[in-house]
Amino acid sequence: MNDTRSTERAVPTLSVVICAYTLDRWEDLRAAIRSVQSQDPPAHEVVLVVDHNQALLQRAEQELSGVLVVSNQRRRGLSGGRNTGVAVSHGDVVAFLDDDATAESGWTGRLLAPYGDPRVVGVGGLVRPWWAAGRPEWFPPEFDWVVGCSYRGQPQRAAPVRNFIGANMSFRRRELLAVGGFLDELGRVGTRPMASCDETDLCLRIAARNPEAVLLYEPAAEVRHRVPKSRASWAYFQNRCYVEGLSKALVARRCGSGPALANERTYVRSTISRALARNLTRIRRPGALRTIGALSAGTCATATGYLVGWFRPLYSQGFSWRPRTSAQPRETVRS
C-alpha cells in the first residue's frame, strides 16, 4: 500500500500555460484549449494568459470554462505572459502551448513520462506545421523553425538537446523559478518578433546552473501548429531569419558565443550543406532552384542579422544583457 502511494506521488502534476494576445485567433485558441482538456492523463490545470487585451480577456472569462484566465502582469510580450503563467500555476511541471497549436492525443503523458528520471528538467516535443494555404513549393523543411515548427535536422528519436521550440515545451516548475524564468526583453510582442530566442536563452541558463541536467526532446509528444498564409511569404521568411540573427547576437553576449552558436555552426555545416547538395542533384525538378535560393538567402539573412546585432548591440535599442556564465551547457539542437 505504501509503495502504491509513493508511486502516485512520484507522478508530477502538469500545468499547461497558453498565452494569447488577439481576438483574431479566437477559434484557434479555443481549439488549443480543447486539445488540452481532452488529454489523458488530464492536466492539473490550464492557464490562459491574456497579453494586455481587455476585449480578449473579457471574452475569455465569459466563454471559456475549466480554464484559469489571467492578464499578463509582466512586460508586454510572450515572455512576460509565460512568466505570469508560471507565477500563477501550481503544477510540478509547466508546459507551454501556443494559442494557434493543438496537442495530439497522448501529448500530456508523453511529456510527463521522462520526468520519472530526476535528471530530466525539461521535455520538449515535435511541432508539426499545418500550412493554412499549403506549403510553398520553395520553402525548405530545414527552415521550418522560421514558422515556429520542428525542422529537418532535428533528432528523429528521443534525445538530449540544447533548447526547445517554444510552441511545445515543458519544464520542472522549480527549475523555471530557480533561473528567474524567461527574459522579458526577448520574445514576440504581438505579431512583431522584436527579439526571439527566449527559449534558447532560458535553456542555456538552466543548463549553466546544472550542467548535469537533461533537456530531452521527445518527438512522440506532438502538436500541430497552424501556419497562416502571411507567414508563408518570402518577405516574412527573410525578416524572420534576420531577426533570428539579431537575437542570437544578444544571446551570445549573455551566454557566450560558444554555447549560443555551437548548434548553429553544426546546422550550417551539416543540415544546410546536405540540403543544398540534395537540391543541386534535383536541379531540374520544379521548385528546386527556388529552394536553393531560399536556403542561401535564409542563411545569409540570419548571418547578416547576427553581425548587425553584434556590432550594434540590441541593448542599445532597449534590450538588457548580462555577461556569459562560467558553466558551459550541452550543445545539440538549435531553436
C-alpha atoms as a PDB file:
ATOM      1  CA  MET A   1       0.000   0.000   0.000  1.00  0.00           C
ATOM      2  CA  ASN A   2       2.811   2.396   0.885  1.00  0.00           C
ATOM      3  CA  ASP A   3       4.595   1.574  -2.387  1.00  0.00           C
ATOM      4  CA  THR A   4       1.473   2.455  -4.383  1.00  0.00           C
ATOM      5  CA  ARG A   5       1.100   5.792  -2.661  1.00  0.00           C
ATOM      6  CA  SER A   6       4.785   6.546  -3.195  1.00  0.00           C
ATOM      7  CA  THR A   7       4.437   5.792  -6.909  1.00  0.00           C
ATOM      8  CA  GLU A   8       1.389   8.022  -7.198  1.00  0.00           C
ATOM      9  CA  ARG A   9       3.216  10.890  -5.522  1.00  0.00           C
ATOM     10  CA  ALA A  10       6.132  10.422  -7.919  1.00  0.00           C
ATOM     11  CA  VAL A  11       3.930  11.274 -10.934  1.00  0.00           C
ATOM     12  CA  PRO A  12       4.290  15.050 -11.401  1.00  0.00           C
ATOM     13  CA  THR A  13       1.269  17.288 -11.804  1.00  0.00           C
ATOM     14  CA  LEU A  14       1.058  19.310 -15.006  1.00  0.00           C
ATOM     15  CA  SER A  15       0.045  22.909 -15.608  1.00  0.00           C
ATOM     16  CA  VAL A  16      -0.427  23.957 -19.241  1.00  0.00           C
ATOM     17  CA  VAL A  17       0.121  27.644 -19.997  1.00  0.00           C
ATOM     18  CA  ILE A  18      -1.270  29.190 -23.181  1.00  0.00           C
ATOM     19  CA  CYS A  19      -0.534  32.839 -23.986  1.00  0.00           C
ATOM     20  CA  ALA A  20      -2.802  34.872 -26.272  1.00  0.00           C
ATOM     21  CA  TYR A  21      -2.808  38.463 -27.458  1.00  0.00           C
ATOM     22  CA  THR A  22      -5.508  38.860 -30.118  1.00  0.00           C
ATOM     23  CA  LEU A  23      -9.158  38.063 -30.787  1.00  0.00           C
ATOM     24  CA  ASP A  24      -8.205  37.267 -34.389  1.00  0.00           C
ATOM     25  CA  ARG A  25      -7.104  33.813 -33.226  1.00  0.00           C
ATOM     26  CA  TRP A  26     -10.171  33.119 -31.098  1.00  0.00           C
ATOM     27  CA  GLU A  27     -11.130  29.882 -32.864  1.00  0.00           C
ATOM     28  CA  ASP A  28      -7.507  28.728 -32.856  1.00  0.00           C
ATOM     29  CA  LEU A  29      -7.334  29.477 -29.136  1.00  0.00           C
ATOM     30  CA  ARG A  30     -10.492  27.502 -28.412  1.00  0.00           C
ATOM     31  CA  ALA A  31      -9.103  24.575 -30.406  1.00  0.00           C
ATOM     32  CA  ALA A  32      -5.846  24.708 -28.453  1.00  0.00           C
ATOM     33  CA  ILE A  33      -7.695  24.645 -25.126  1.00  0.00           C
ATOM     34  CA  ARG A  34      -9.987  21.796 -26.229  1.00  0.00           C
ATOM     35  CA  SER A  35      -6.975  19.760 -27.310  1.00  0.00           C
ATOM     36  CA  VAL A  36      -5.522  20.065 -23.813  1.00  0.00           C
ATOM     37  CA  GLN A  37      -8.795  19.414 -21.998  1.00  0.00           C
ATOM     38  CA  SER A  38      -9.300  16.179 -23.937  1.00  0.00           C
ATOM     39  CA  GLN A  39      -5.929  14.748 -22.914  1.00  0.00           C
ATOM     40  CA  ASP A  40      -5.491  11.539 -20.921  1.00  0.00           C
ATOM     41  CA  PRO A  41      -3.991  11.874 -18.393  1.00  0.00           C
ATOM     42  CA  PRO A  42      -5.609  15.270 -17.853  1.00  0.00           C
ATOM     43  CA  ALA A  43      -3.601  18.343 -16.979  1.00  0.00           C
ATOM     44  CA  HIS A  44      -3.871  19.544 -13.396  1.00  0.00           C
ATOM     45  CA  GLU A  45      -4.830  22.979 -14.725  1.00  0.00           C
ATOM     46  CA  VAL A  46      -4.972  25.036 -17.901  1.00  0.00           C
ATOM     47  CA  VAL A  47      -3.857  28.660 -17.578  1.00  0.00           C
ATOM     48  CA  LEU A  48      -4.659  31.240 -20.240  1.00  0.00           C
ATOM     49  CA  VAL A  49      -2.586  34.417 -20.041  1.00  0.00           C
ATOM     50  CA  VAL A  50      -4.014  37.345 -21.997  1.00  0.00           C
ATOM     51  CA  ASP A  51      -1.398  39.855 -23.107  1.00  0.00           C
ATOM     52  CA  HIS A  52      -2.781  43.358 -22.484  1.00  0.00           C
ATOM     53  CA  ASN A  53      -6.010  42.939 -24.470  1.00  0.00           C
ATOM     54  CA  GLN A  54      -9.071  43.812 -22.408  1.00  0.00           C
ATOM     55  CA  ALA A  55     -11.608  42.655 -25.021  1.00  0.00           C
ATOM     56  CA  LEU A  56      -9.944  39.241 -25.289  1.00  0.00           C
ATOM     57  CA  LEU A  57      -9.688  38.981 -21.507  1.00  0.00           C
ATOM     58  CA  GLN A  58     -13.399  39.672 -21.022  1.00  0.00           C
ATOM     59  CA  ARG A  59     -14.493  37.252 -23.713  1.00  0.00           C
ATOM     60  CA  ALA A  60     -12.236  34.514 -22.370  1.00  0.00           C
ATOM     61  CA  GLU A  61     -13.564  34.998 -18.839  1.00  0.00           C
ATOM     62  CA  GLN A  62     -17.148  34.830 -20.096  1.00  0.00           C
ATOM     63  CA  GLU A  63     -16.947  31.976 -22.582  1.00  0.00           C
ATOM     64  CA  LEU A  64     -14.159  29.620 -21.557  1.00  0.00           C
ATOM     65  CA  SER A  65     -14.818  27.016 -18.885  1.00  0.00           C
ATOM     66  CA  GLY A  66     -12.335  24.931 -16.948  1.00  0.00           C
ATOM     67  CA  VAL A  67      -9.589  27.477 -17.609  1.00  0.00           C
ATOM     68  CA  LEU A  68      -7.827  29.888 -15.275  1.00  0.00           C
ATOM     69  CA  VAL A  69      -7.857  33.181 -17.200  1.00  0.00           C
ATOM     70  CA  VAL A  70      -5.408  35.868 -16.075  1.00  0.00           C
ATOM     71  CA  SER A  71      -3.927  39.024 -17.571  1.00  0.00           C
ATOM     72  CA  ASN A  72      -0.219  39.408 -18.216  1.00  0.00           C
ATOM     73  CA  GLN A  73       1.242  41.046 -15.118  1.00  0.00           C
ATOM     74  CA  ARG A  74       4.677  41.484 -16.617  1.00  0.00           C
ATOM     75  CA  ARG A  75       6.155  43.356 -19.546  1.00  0.00           C
ATOM     76  CA  ARG A  76       4.032  43.111 -22.689  1.00  0.00           C
ATOM     77  CA  GLY A  77       5.015  40.196 -24.881  1.00  0.00           C
ATOM     78  CA  LEU A  78       5.247  36.423 -24.947  1.00  0.00           C
ATOM     79  CA  SER A  79       7.983  36.103 -22.338  1.00  0.00           C
ATOM     80  CA  GLY A  80       6.117  38.278 -19.861  1.00  0.00           C
ATOM     81  CA  GLY A  81       2.991  36.217 -20.459  1.00  0.00           C
ATOM     82  CA  ARG A  82       4.839  32.965 -19.891  1.00  0.00           C
ATOM     83  CA  ASN A  83       6.350  34.280 -16.671  1.00  0.00           C
ATOM     84  CA  THR A  84       2.893  35.299 -15.480  1.00  0.00           C
ATOM     85  CA  GLY A  85       1.651  31.798 -16.239  1.00  0.00           C
ATOM     86  CA  VAL A  86       4.451  30.247 -14.223  1.00  0.00           C
ATOM     87  CA  ALA A  87       3.727  32.579 -11.296  1.00  0.00           C
ATOM     88  CA  VAL A  88       0.029  31.647 -11.045  1.00  0.00           C
ATOM     89  CA  SER A  89       0.343  27.932 -11.857  1.00  0.00           C
ATOM     90  CA  HIS A  90       0.717  25.150  -9.309  1.00  0.00           C
ATOM     91  CA  GLY A  91       1.849  22.066 -11.241  1.00  0.00           C
ATOM     92  CA  ASP A  92       5.180  20.358 -10.672  1.00  0.00           C
ATOM     93  CA  VAL A  93       5.729  20.662 -14.431  1.00  0.00           C
ATOM     94  CA  VAL A  94       4.725  23.666 -16.532  1.00  0.00           C
ATOM     95  CA  ALA A  95       4.083  23.077 -20.228  1.00  0.00           C
ATOM     96  CA  PHE A  96       3.724  25.821 -22.832  1.00  0.00           C
ATOM     97  CA  LEU A  97       1.461  25.518 -25.861  1.00  0.00           C
ATOM     98  CA  ASP A  98       0.974  28.240 -28.475  1.00  0.00           C
ATOM     99  CA  ASP A  99      -2.508  29.666 -28.918  1.00  0.00           C
ATOM    100  CA  ASP A 100      -2.520  28.551 -32.573  1.00  0.00           C
ATOM    101  CA  ALA A 101      -1.352  24.995 -31.872  1.00  0.00           C
ATOM    102  CA  THR A 102      -3.265  21.854 -30.933  1.00  0.00           C
ATOM    103  CA  ALA A 103      -1.912  18.956 -28.914  1.00  0.00           C
ATOM    104  CA  GLU A 104      -2.219  15.472 -30.387  1.00  0.00           C
ATOM    105  CA  SER A 105      -3.664  12.593 -28.374  1.00  0.00           C
ATOM    106  CA  GLY A 106      -1.290  11.366 -25.662  1.00  0.00           C
ATOM    107  CA  TRP A 107       0.627  14.654 -25.515  1.00  0.00           C
ATOM    108  CA  THR A 108       0.472  15.097 -21.744  1.00  0.00           C
ATOM    109  CA  GLY A 109       1.501  11.530 -20.983  1.00  0.00           C
ATOM    110  CA  ARG A 110       4.448  11.641 -23.362  1.00  0.00           C
ATOM    111  CA  LEU A 111       5.641  14.957 -21.952  1.00  0.00           C
ATOM    112  CA  LEU A 112       5.393  13.725 -18.368  1.00  0.00           C
ATOM    113  CA  ALA A 113       6.870  10.227 -18.762  1.00  0.00           C
ATOM    114  CA  PRO A 114      10.555  11.301 -18.966  1.00  0.00           C
ATOM    115  CA  TYR A 115      10.259  13.218 -15.678  1.00  0.00           C
ATOM    116  CA  GLY A 116      10.485   9.875 -13.906  1.00  0.00           C
ATOM    117  CA  ASP A 117      14.227  10.431 -14.335  1.00  0.00           C
ATOM    118  CA  PRO A 118      15.256  13.093 -11.810  1.00  0.00           C
ATOM    119  CA  ARG A 119      17.978  14.328 -14.156  1.00  0.00           C
ATOM    120  CA  VAL A 120      15.361  15.454 -16.678  1.00  0.00           C
ATOM    121  CA  VAL A 121      14.447  19.087 -16.020  1.00  0.00           C
ATOM    122  CA  GLY A 122      12.678  19.823 -19.298  1.00  0.00           C
ATOM    123  CA  VAL A 123      10.889  17.958 -22.082  1.00  0.00           C
ATOM    124  CA  GLY A 124      10.013  19.371 -25.486  1.00  0.00           C
ATOM    125  CA  GLY A 125       8.157  17.799 -28.365  1.00  0.00           C
ATOM    126  CA  LEU A 126       7.606  17.798 -32.099  1.00  0.00           C
ATOM    127  CA  VAL A 127       5.900  20.820 -33.655  1.00  0.00           C
ATOM    128  CA  ARG A 128       4.361  19.804 -36.966  1.00  0.00           C
ATOM    129  CA  PRO A 129       3.397  22.639 -39.339  1.00  0.00           C
ATOM    130  CA  TRP A 130      -0.169  22.911 -40.583  1.00  0.00           C
ATOM    131  CA  TRP A 131       0.017  25.192 -43.603  1.00  0.00           C
ATOM    132  CA  ALA A 132      -3.311  27.010 -43.850  1.00  0.00           C
ATOM    133  CA  ALA A 133      -2.756  27.850 -47.531  1.00  0.00           C
ATOM    134  CA  GLY A 134      -0.471  24.940 -48.400  1.00  0.00           C
ATOM    135  CA  ARG A 135       3.283  24.705 -48.074  1.00  0.00           C
ATOM    136  CA  PRO A 136       5.105  26.996 -50.548  1.00  0.00           C
ATOM    137  CA  GLU A 137       6.982  24.968 -53.122  1.00  0.00           C
ATOM    138  CA  TRP A 138      10.200  26.815 -52.363  1.00  0.00           C
ATOM    139  CA  PHE A 139      10.052  26.641 -48.549  1.00  0.00           C
ATOM    140  CA  PRO A 140      12.834  24.274 -47.333  1.00  0.00           C
ATOM    141  CA  PRO A 141      11.914  22.000 -44.388  1.00  0.00           C
ATOM    142  CA  GLU A 142      15.327  22.794 -42.910  1.00  0.00           C
ATOM    143  CA  PHE A 143      13.913  26.278 -42.232  1.00  0.00           C
ATOM    144  CA  ASP A 144      10.617  25.287 -40.633  1.00  0.00           C
ATOM    145  CA  TRP A 145      11.912  26.950 -37.445  1.00  0.00           C
ATOM    146  CA  VAL A 146      11.080  30.206 -39.269  1.00  0.00           C
ATOM    147  CA  VAL A 147       7.387  29.425 -38.697  1.00  0.00           C
ATOM    148  CA  GLY A 148       7.942  28.099 -35.170  1.00  0.00           C
ATOM    149  CA  CYS A 149       7.970  24.412 -36.104  1.00  0.00           C
ATOM    150  CA  SER A 150      10.300  21.445 -35.965  1.00  0.00           C
ATOM    151  CA  TYR A 151      12.698  21.278 -38.888  1.00  0.00           C
ATOM    152  CA  ARG A 152      14.686  18.737 -40.843  1.00  0.00           C
ATOM    153  CA  GLY A 153      17.902  18.057 -38.983  1.00  0.00           C
ATOM    154  CA  GLN A 154      16.423  17.523 -35.530  1.00  0.00           C
ATOM    155  CA  PRO A 155      16.645  14.095 -33.870  1.00  0.00           C
ATOM    156  CA  GLN A 156      14.101  11.514 -35.021  1.00  0.00           C
ATOM    157  CA  ARG A 157      14.032   9.834 -31.616  1.00  0.00           C
ATOM    158  CA  ALA A 158      14.133  10.999 -28.011  1.00  0.00           C
ATOM    159  CA  ALA A 159      17.468  12.707 -27.338  1.00  0.00           C
ATOM    160  CA  PRO A 160      19.048  15.402 -25.134  1.00  0.00           C
ATOM    161  CA  VAL A 161      19.064  18.794 -26.838  1.00  0.00           C
ATOM    162  CA  ARG A 162      20.276  22.310 -26.135  1.00  0.00           C
ATOM    163  CA  ASN A 163      16.882  24.006 -26.364  1.00  0.00           C
ATOM    164  CA  PHE A 164      13.269  23.507 -27.355  1.00  0.00           C
ATOM    165  CA  ILE A 165      10.835  25.111 -29.777  1.00  0.00           C
ATOM    166  CA  GLY A 166       8.512  27.346 -27.780  1.00  0.00           C
ATOM    167  CA  ALA A 167       5.214  26.061 -29.185  1.00  0.00           C
ATOM    168  CA  ASN A 168       5.695  22.723 -27.406  1.00  0.00           C
ATOM    169  CA  MET A 169       7.916  22.602 -24.346  1.00  0.00           C
ATOM    170  CA  SER A 170       7.785  21.920 -20.629  1.00  0.00           C
ATOM    171  CA  PHE A 171       9.982  22.369 -17.560  1.00  0.00           C
ATOM    172  CA  ARG A 172      10.006  21.469 -13.903  1.00  0.00           C
ATOM    173  CA  ARG A 173       8.473  24.481 -12.238  1.00  0.00           C
ATOM    174  CA  ARG A 174      11.248  24.708  -9.652  1.00  0.00           C
ATOM    175  CA  GLU A 175      13.842  24.994 -12.425  1.00  0.00           C
ATOM    176  CA  LEU A 176      11.968  27.873 -14.049  1.00  0.00           C
ATOM    177  CA  LEU A 177      11.815  29.698 -10.740  1.00  0.00           C
ATOM    178  CA  ALA A 178      15.462  28.969  -9.922  1.00  0.00           C
ATOM    179  CA  VAL A 179      16.742  30.705 -13.071  1.00  0.00           C
ATOM    180  CA  GLY A 180      14.275  33.583 -12.930  1.00  0.00           C
ATOM    181  CA  GLY A 181      12.048  32.465 -15.804  1.00  0.00           C
ATOM    182  CA  PHE A 182      12.085  33.880 -19.320  1.00  0.00           C
ATOM    183  CA  LEU A 183      13.855  37.115 -20.170  1.00  0.00           C
ATOM    184  CA  ASP A 184      11.074  39.674 -20.605  1.00  0.00           C
ATOM    185  CA  GLU A 185      13.065  41.617 -23.208  1.00  0.00           C
ATOM    186  CA  LEU A 186      13.080  38.612 -25.535  1.00  0.00           C
ATOM    187  CA  GLY A 187      10.129  37.029 -27.294  1.00  0.00           C
ATOM    188  CA  ARG A 188       7.348  38.223 -29.526  1.00  0.00           C
ATOM    189  CA  VAL A 189       5.262  41.292 -28.876  1.00  0.00           C
ATOM    190  CA  GLY A 190       2.060  40.726 -30.819  1.00  0.00           C
ATOM    191  CA  THR A 191       2.941  39.945 -34.434  1.00  0.00           C
ATOM    192  CA  ARG A 192       6.369  41.589 -34.173  1.00  0.00           C
ATOM    193  CA  PRO A 193       9.226  39.189 -33.359  1.00  0.00           C
ATOM    194  CA  MET A 194      11.359  42.076 -31.985  1.00  0.00           C
ATOM    195  CA  ALA A 195      13.925  39.709 -30.487  1.00  0.00           C
ATOM    196  CA  SER A 196      13.392  35.980 -30.296  1.00  0.00           C
ATOM    197  CA  CYS A 197      15.419  33.083 -28.871  1.00  0.00           C
ATOM    198  CA  ASP A 198      13.850  33.480 -25.421  1.00  0.00           C
ATOM    199  CA  GLU A 199      13.581  29.681 -25.235  1.00  0.00           C
ATOM    200  CA  THR A 200      17.247  29.294 -26.164  1.00  0.00           C
ATOM    201  CA  ASP A 201      18.292  31.827 -23.535  1.00  0.00           C
ATOM    202  CA  LEU A 202      16.222  30.082 -20.859  1.00  0.00           C
ATOM    203  CA  CYS A 203      17.538  26.615 -21.704  1.00  0.00           C
ATOM    204  CA  LEU A 204      21.136  27.852 -21.708  1.00  0.00           C
ATOM    205  CA  ARG A 205      20.668  29.337 -18.241  1.00  0.00           C
ATOM    206  CA  ILE A 206      19.089  26.127 -16.936  1.00  0.00           C
ATOM    207  CA  ALA A 207      21.975  24.059 -18.284  1.00  0.00           C
ATOM    208  CA  ALA A 208      24.551  26.532 -16.962  1.00  0.00           C
ATOM    209  CA  ARG A 209      23.031  26.289 -13.491  1.00  0.00           C
ATOM    210  CA  ASN A 210      23.252  22.489 -13.564  1.00  0.00           C
ATOM    211  CA  PRO A 211      25.450  21.014 -16.321  1.00  0.00           C
ATOM    212  CA  GLU A 212      24.173  17.520 -15.432  1.00  0.00           C
ATOM    213  CA  ALA A 213      20.557  18.474 -16.122  1.00  0.00           C
ATOM    214  CA  VAL A 214      18.887  16.885 -19.153  1.00  0.00           C
ATOM    215  CA  LEU A 215      16.683  18.786 -21.580  1.00  0.00           C
ATOM    216  CA  LEU A 216      15.006  15.997 -23.522  1.00  0.00           C
ATOM    217  CA  TYR A 217      13.458  16.245 -26.968  1.00  0.00           C
ATOM    218  CA  GLU A 218      10.645  13.692 -27.274  1.00  0.00           C
ATOM    219  CA  PRO A 219       9.173  13.776 -30.811  1.00  0.00           C
ATOM    220  CA  ALA A 220       6.329  11.459 -29.766  1.00  0.00           C
ATOM    221  CA  ALA A 221       4.879  14.394 -27.782  1.00  0.00           C
ATOM    222  CA  GLU A 222       3.423  16.088 -30.838  1.00  0.00           C
ATOM    223  CA  VAL A 223       1.486  19.272 -31.506  1.00  0.00           C
ATOM    224  CA  ARG A 224       0.187  20.724 -34.751  1.00  0.00           C
ATOM    225  CA  HIS A 225       0.995  24.391 -35.319  1.00  0.00           C
ATOM    226  CA  ARG A 226      -1.114  26.477 -37.665  1.00  0.00           C
ATOM    227  CA  VAL A 227       0.932  28.470 -40.196  1.00  0.00           C
ATOM    228  CA  PRO A 228      -1.165  31.289 -41.718  1.00  0.00           C
ATOM    229  CA  LYS A 229      -0.712  32.442 -45.270  1.00  0.00           C
ATOM    230  CA  SER A 230       1.029  35.617 -44.063  1.00  0.00           C
ATOM    231  CA  ARG A 231       3.918  33.541 -42.710  1.00  0.00           C
ATOM    232  CA  ALA A 232       4.365  31.655 -45.949  1.00  0.00           C
ATOM    233  CA  SER A 233       5.609  34.725 -47.799  1.00  0.00           C
ATOM    234  CA  TRP A 234       9.136  35.462 -48.965  1.00  0.00           C
ATOM    235  CA  ALA A 235       9.161  38.750 -47.049  1.00  0.00           C
ATOM    236  CA  TYR A 236       8.267  37.044 -43.768  1.00  0.00           C
ATOM    237  CA  PHE A 237      10.865  34.350 -44.380  1.00  0.00           C
ATOM    238  CA  GLN A 238      13.679  36.845 -44.860  1.00  0.00           C
ATOM    239  CA  ASN A 239      12.635  39.093 -41.992  1.00  0.00           C
ATOM    240  CA  ARG A 240      12.286  36.206 -39.562  1.00  0.00           C
ATOM    241  CA  CYS A 241      15.740  34.896 -40.486  1.00  0.00           C
ATOM    242  CA  TYR A 242      17.214  38.361 -39.967  1.00  0.00           C
ATOM    243  CA  VAL A 243      15.558  38.726 -36.550  1.00  0.00           C
ATOM    244  CA  GLU A 244      16.853  35.290 -35.585  1.00  0.00           C
ATOM    245  CA  GLY A 245      20.370  36.512 -36.269  1.00  0.00           C
ATOM    246  CA  LEU A 246      19.820  39.672 -34.228  1.00  0.00           C
ATOM    247  CA  SER A 247      18.518  37.592 -31.348  1.00  0.00           C
ATOM    248  CA  LYS A 248      21.395  35.147 -31.496  1.00  0.00           C
ATOM    249  CA  ALA A 249      23.782  38.080 -31.114  1.00  0.00           C
ATOM    250  CA  LEU A 250      22.024  39.070 -27.891  1.00  0.00           C
ATOM    251  CA  VAL A 251      22.096  35.505 -26.565  1.00  0.00           C
ATOM    252  CA  ALA A 252      25.788  35.226 -27.482  1.00  0.00           C
ATOM    253  CA  ARG A 253      26.535  38.370 -25.460  1.00  0.00           C
ATOM    254  CA  ARG A 254      24.605  36.988 -22.499  1.00  0.00           C
ATOM    255  CA  CYS A 255      25.757  33.379 -22.549  1.00  0.00           C
ATOM    256  CA  GLY A 256      28.934  33.357 -24.635  1.00  0.00           C
ATOM    257  CA  SER A 257      29.265  32.677 -28.358  1.00  0.00           C
ATOM    258  CA  GLY A 258      30.381  29.083 -27.710  1.00  0.00           C
ATOM    259  CA  PRO A 259      27.125  27.724 -26.257  1.00  0.00           C
ATOM    260  CA  ALA A 260      24.971  30.219 -28.135  1.00  0.00           C
ATOM    261  CA  LEU A 261      26.297  29.329 -31.598  1.00  0.00           C
ATOM    262  CA  ALA A 262      27.651  25.772 -31.428  1.00  0.00           C
ATOM    263  CA  ASN A 263      24.448  24.228 -32.755  1.00  0.00           C
ATOM    264  CA  GLU A 264      24.177  26.856 -35.461  1.00  0.00           C
ATOM    265  CA  ARG A 265      27.654  26.076 -36.765  1.00  0.00           C
ATOM    266  CA  THR A 266      26.746  22.381 -36.982  1.00  0.00           C
ATOM    267  CA  TYR A 267      23.417  23.268 -38.560  1.00  0.00           C
ATOM    268  CA  VAL A 268      25.077  25.248 -41.358  1.00  0.00           C
ATOM    269  CA  ARG A 269      27.916  22.771 -41.931  1.00  0.00           C
ATOM    270  CA  SER A 270      25.716  19.685 -41.884  1.00  0.00           C
ATOM    271  CA  THR A 271      21.986  20.328 -42.324  1.00  0.00           C
ATOM    272  CA  ILE A 272      22.171  23.243 -44.761  1.00  0.00           C
ATOM    273  CA  SER A 273      25.081  21.775 -46.724  1.00  0.00           C
ATOM    274  CA  ARG A 274      23.229  18.488 -47.200  1.00  0.00           C
ATOM    275  CA  ALA A 275      20.078  20.340 -48.228  1.00  0.00           C
ATOM    276  CA  LEU A 276      21.965  22.347 -50.854  1.00  0.00           C
ATOM    277  CA  ALA A 277      23.644  19.222 -52.197  1.00  0.00           C
ATOM    278  CA  ARG A 278      20.357  17.326 -52.313  1.00  0.00           C
ATOM    279  CA  ASN A 279      18.590  20.085 -54.232  1.00  0.00           C
ATOM    280  CA  LEU A 280      21.504  20.516 -56.625  1.00  0.00           C
ATOM    281  CA  THR A 281      21.116  16.872 -57.627  1.00  0.00           C
ATOM    282  CA  ARG A 282      17.439  17.603 -58.307  1.00  0.00           C
ATOM    283  CA  ILE A 283      18.008  20.905 -60.060  1.00  0.00           C
ATOM    284  CA  ARG A 284      15.589  20.067 -62.872  1.00  0.00           C
ATOM    285  CA  ARG A 285      12.699  19.310 -60.540  1.00  0.00           C
ATOM    286  CA  PRO A 286      10.034  22.007 -60.080  1.00  0.00           C
ATOM    287  CA  GLY A 287      10.937  24.398 -57.278  1.00  0.00           C
ATOM    288  CA  ALA A 288      14.476  23.074 -56.731  1.00  0.00           C
ATOM    289  CA  LEU A 289      16.168  26.270 -57.903  1.00  0.00           C
ATOM    290  CA  ARG A 290      13.911  28.430 -55.713  1.00  0.00           C
ATOM    291  CA  THR A 291      14.559  26.165 -52.733  1.00  0.00           C
ATOM    292  CA  ILE A 292      18.302  26.576 -53.245  1.00  0.00           C
ATOM    293  CA  GLY A 293      17.737  30.317 -53.295  1.00  0.00           C
ATOM    294  CA  ALA A 294      15.749  30.148 -50.061  1.00  0.00           C
ATOM    295  CA  LEU A 295      18.424  28.056 -48.344  1.00  0.00           C
ATOM    296  CA  SER A 296      21.099  30.530 -49.376  1.00  0.00           C
ATOM    297  CA  ALA A 297      19.086  33.669 -48.678  1.00  0.00           C
ATOM    298  CA  GLY A 298      17.881  32.412 -45.303  1.00  0.00           C
ATOM    299  CA  THR A 299      21.407  31.593 -44.199  1.00  0.00           C
ATOM    300  CA  CYS A 300      22.726  34.967 -45.395  1.00  0.00           C
ATOM    301  CA  ALA A 301      19.876  36.912 -43.751  1.00  0.00           C
ATOM    302  CA  THR A 302      20.480  35.163 -40.431  1.00  0.00           C
ATOM    303  CA  ALA A 303      24.228  35.793 -40.612  1.00  0.00           C
ATOM    304  CA  THR A 304      23.625  39.452 -41.513  1.00  0.00           C
ATOM    305  CA  GLY A 305      21.271  39.869 -38.572  1.00  0.00           C
ATOM    306  CA  TYR A 306      23.864  38.363 -36.266  1.00  0.00           C
ATOM    307  CA  LEU A 307      26.599  40.689 -37.485  1.00  0.00           C
ATOM    308  CA  VAL A 308      24.334  43.738 -37.166  1.00  0.00           C
ATOM    309  CA  GLY A 309      23.297  42.656 -33.681  1.00  0.00           C
ATOM    310  CA  TRP A 310      26.886  42.040 -32.646  1.00  0.00           C
ATOM    311  CA  PHE A 311      28.244  45.376 -33.824  1.00  0.00           C
ATOM    312  CA  ARG A 312      25.104  47.322 -32.905  1.00  0.00           C
ATOM    313  CA  PRO A 313      24.093  45.589 -29.681  1.00  0.00           C
ATOM    314  CA  LEU A 314      20.394  45.076 -29.042  1.00  0.00           C
ATOM    315  CA  TYR A 315      20.705  46.543 -25.560  1.00  0.00           C
ATOM    316  CA  SER A 316      21.259  49.919 -27.206  1.00  0.00           C
ATOM    317  CA  GLN A 317      17.714  49.538 -28.575  1.00  0.00           C
ATOM    318  CA  GLY A 318      16.140  48.872 -25.180  1.00  0.00           C
ATOM    319  CA  PHE A 319      17.270  45.294 -24.504  1.00  0.00           C
ATOM    320  CA  SER A 320      19.312  44.319 -21.477  1.00  0.00           C
ATOM    321  CA  TRP A 321      22.034  41.724 -21.339  1.00  0.00           C
ATOM    322  CA  ARG A 322      24.293  40.028 -18.868  1.00  0.00           C
ATOM    323  CA  PRO A 323      27.780  38.605 -19.473  1.00  0.00           C
ATOM    324  CA  ARG A 324      28.311  34.933 -20.097  1.00  0.00           C
ATOM    325  CA  THR A 325      28.148  32.383 -17.307  1.00  0.00           C
ATOM    326  CA  SER A 326      31.140  30.248 -16.441  1.00  0.00           C
ATOM    327  CA  ALA A 327      29.359  26.922 -16.923  1.00  0.00           C
ATOM    328  CA  GLN A 328      29.150  25.583 -20.456  1.00  0.00           C
ATOM    329  CA  PRO A 329      25.822  23.940 -21.335  1.00  0.00           C
ATOM    330  CA  ARG A 330      25.437  20.970 -23.674  1.00  0.00           C
ATOM    331  CA  GLU A 331      25.023  21.582 -27.378  1.00  0.00           C
ATOM    332  CA  THR A 332      22.685  19.716 -29.708  1.00  0.00           C
ATOM    333  CA  VAL A 333      19.738  21.417 -31.401  1.00  0.00           C
ATOM    334  CA  ARG A 334      19.089  24.987 -32.455  1.00  0.00           C
ATOM    335  CA  SER A 335      15.815  26.835 -31.978  1.00  0.00           C
END
